[in-house]
Amino acid sequence: MLFISTSGALGRYIQLSVPVTIASRAILAFVILVLCCRFKKVSFKIDKADRPMIILSGLLMGVHWVTYFYALQMSNVAIGMLSMFTYPVLTAFLEPIILKTKFQKIHLLLGALVLLGIYFLIPDFSLANSYTLAILIGVFSALVYAMRNLLMKSKVAKYNGSMLMSYQTGIVGIILLPAFLFSDFSEVVSQWQAILTLALLTTAIGHTLFLASFKHFTITTASILSSVQPVYGIIIGAIFLSEYPTWTTILGGVLILTAVVVESVRTYR
């Protein structure tokens, strides 16, 4: 969680266009993950029937990353991460629709709690306000991420997690490759340390460790632990970028994270 939480500060620190940043992140992470899978002798074979779903999940992952980084650049680490972290509760609303499970009334209460939290995050409800727009983009990013996770739910049990991440980072890299045509490559090279950290530490190592934790915890327990991400992210942002959240942002974050933890604990029990 500590490694994954670096995405917020790095998203703010890297001074490149978002498509170029995500393309660089995806391509480097793809190379690292493929080498890791080759070392572990993981098969890259995927059944023909599963290919469309994995391609779609890769596209959704790309949309999620791009919109999340736009939300970060338009606001700050705290607001960017907290608005995106509405995804666990959004997942609870989407799951009955996508996976045809039974809808539970408590999700209405948790949804209301998240909306109240978002209300405290928004300083002035106007699309002319960059923070308001960032929160809306962040919540959209959370919605896309929730959809991607639900689509991948059955595939994670069937295939190796690092192999699936390899395909997804590869798809994102290919789709965003044209972004380099509209960018000064020397600027990309000048920020190679931050981009490599984002690809290696945040994406390849962070997500691989998170997937490995599933061997020791249930996914619900892991999701409870993951609610510390925005907290770590805000602390990292304060230390390295001197970005300190306001009291209303902290209050909104507490409400959102309370809903996340309540839903995770309730499901676990």
Foldseek 3Di string as FASTA:
>chain_A
DLLQLCCLQLLQPQPDQLLVLLLLLLVLLLVVLVVVCVVVVFDLDDDPVCVVLLLLLLVLVLLLSSLLSLLCNLAHSLLSVLLLLLLLLLLLVCCCVPVVDDRDPVSVVLVVLLVVLVVLQDPDCDPVRSNNVSSVSSNVSSNSNSVSCSSCVVVVVVGPPSSSSSSSSVSSNVVSVCVVVVDDVVSVVVCVVSSSSSNPRNPNVVVNVLSVCCVVPPVLVSQLVCLCSSVSNQVVCCVPVVDHDDPSSVVSSVSSSVSSNVVSVVVVD
